[in-house]
Amino acid sequence: QGSLAYALDQTLREGHDMHAFGLGTCASLGSRQRYARFTASMYMVYSTMEEQFDMTSGSSSCCATVWGKYGKILRRAPKLKADLMDVLEDRNCENTKDGEIK
């Protein structure tokens, strides 16, 4: 108790219907097409967020401090991109339905 992880866990439990969240997650894994759509969406979110965190480098903000220290282990966009490349049948990520993959 008292940790950030605990507080975030409590917020998720109180603010989200975890049953619906679980069903949505299972549905996104139900087929190759759904997983590709989900992964492309997550890639877009993480790549944008990580680009913004990268831009804080050199500042004295808490984001810059945390991202500077833990960014290498927290970064997810490259792994999501690799997953997406594996999932897409034609291996052409340049023009996915959900957006362009860099």
Protein backbone atom coordinates (compact mmCIF):
# COMPACT_ATOMS: atom_id res chain seq x y z
CA GLN A 1 0.00 0.00 0.00
CA GLY A 2 1.09 3.53 -0.66
CA SER A 3 3.00 2.74 -3.85
CA LEU A 4 2.27 4.26 -7.24
CA ALA A 5 1.60 0.78 -8.66
CA TYR A 6 -0.98 0.12 -5.95
CA ALA A 7 -2.67 3.48 -6.53
CA LEU A 8 -2.85 2.86 -10.29
CA ASP A 9 -4.24 -0.62 -9.73
CA GLN A 10 -6.96 0.75 -7.44
CA THR A 11 -7.82 3.48 -9.96
CA LEU A 12 -8.20 0.89 -12.71
CA ARG A 13 -10.37 -1.33 -10.56
CA GLU A 14 -12.63 1.53 -9.46
CA GLY A 15 -12.82 3.35 -12.79
CA HIS A 16 -13.11 0.47 -15.24
CA ASP A 17 -15.34 -2.52 -15.72
CA MET A 18 -12.59 -5.13 -15.63
CA HIS A 19 -14.92 -7.83 -16.99
CA ALA A 20 -15.64 -5.74 -20.09
CA PHE A 21 -11.94 -4.85 -20.33
CA GLY A 22 -11.02 -8.54 -20.23
CA LEU A 23 -13.60 -9.45 -22.85
CA GLY A 24 -12.36 -6.65 -25.11
CA THR A 25 -8.80 -7.85 -24.73
CA CYS A 26 -9.80 -11.42 -25.55
CA ALA A 27 -11.76 -10.20 -28.59
CA SER A 28 -8.70 -8.33 -29.85
CA LEU A 29 -6.75 -11.59 -29.77
CA GLY A 30 -9.51 -13.62 -31.47
CA SER A 31 -8.11 -13.47 -34.99
CA ARG A 32 -5.04 -12.36 -36.90
CA GLN A 33 -6.94 -9.39 -38.37
CA ARG A 34 -8.22 -8.21 -34.97
CA TYR A 35 -4.79 -8.60 -33.39
CA ALA A 36 -3.22 -6.63 -36.25
CA ARG A 37 -5.78 -3.83 -35.78
CA PHE A 38 -5.22 -3.77 -32.02
CA THR A 39 -1.43 -3.84 -32.39
CA ALA A 40 -1.47 -1.06 -35.01
CA SER A 41 -3.57 1.07 -32.66
CA MET A 42 -1.26 0.44 -29.74
CA TYR A 43 1.76 1.17 -31.94
CA MET A 44 0.31 4.56 -32.87
CA VAL A 45 -0.38 5.44 -29.23
CA TYR A 46 3.02 4.32 -27.93
CA SER A 47 5.07 5.78 -30.79
CA THR A 48 3.40 9.18 -30.36
CA MET A 49 3.79 9.10 -26.58
CA GLU A 50 7.42 8.01 -26.81
CA GLU A 51 8.22 10.72 -29.37
CA GLN A 52 6.82 13.29 -26.95
CA PHE A 53 8.84 11.86 -24.06
CA ASP A 54 11.96 11.93 -26.25
CA MET A 55 11.38 15.64 -26.83
CA THR A 56 11.61 16.28 -23.06
CA SER A 57 15.28 15.28 -23.08
CA GLY A 58 17.43 17.98 -21.54
CA SER A 59 14.59 19.60 -19.64
CA SER A 60 14.18 19.50 -15.87
CA SER A 61 10.66 18.01 -15.98
CA CYS A 62 9.74 14.84 -14.10
CA CYS A 63 8.93 13.21 -17.46
CA ALA A 64 12.46 13.90 -18.67
CA THR A 65 13.92 12.49 -15.47
CA VAL A 66 11.85 9.30 -15.49
CA TRP A 67 12.09 8.78 -19.26
CA GLY A 68 15.83 9.45 -19.20
CA LYS A 69 16.32 6.85 -16.50
CA TYR A 70 13.82 4.18 -17.58
CA GLY A 71 13.04 4.95 -21.23
CA LYS A 72 15.06 2.05 -22.59
CA ILE A 73 13.09 -0.52 -20.62
CA LEU A 74 9.72 1.25 -20.97
CA ARG A 75 9.88 1.82 -24.74
CA ARG A 76 7.28 -0.34 -26.51
CA ALA A 77 6.86 1.05 -30.05
CA PRO A 78 9.71 -0.97 -31.64
CA LYS A 79 8.37 -4.20 -30.15
CA LEU A 80 4.82 -3.43 -31.23
CA LYS A 81 6.08 -2.68 -34.73
CA ALA A 82 7.94 -6.01 -34.81
CA ASP A 83 4.79 -7.83 -33.66
CA LEU A 84 2.77 -6.09 -36.34
CA MET A 85 5.29 -7.02 -39.03
CA ASP A 86 5.02 -10.67 -37.94
CA VAL A 87 1.22 -10.63 -37.94
CA LEU A 88 0.60 -8.96 -41.26
CA GLU A 89 0.38 -11.56 -43.98
CA ASP A 90 1.81 -9.43 -46.75
CA ARG A 91 4.46 -7.87 -44.47
CA ASN A 92 3.64 -4.47 -45.97
CA CYS A 93 3.22 -2.10 -43.02
CA GLU A 94 3.44 1.12 -45.01
CA ASN A 95 -0.28 1.41 -45.69
CA THR A 96 -2.18 -0.35 -42.94
CA LYS A 97 -5.83 0.51 -42.53
CA ASP A 98 -5.18 2.04 -39.10
CA GLY A 99 -2.35 4.31 -40.20
CA GLU A 100 1.15 4.38 -41.49
CA ILE A 101 3.74 2.40 -39.61
CA LYS A 102 7.15 4.05 -39.55
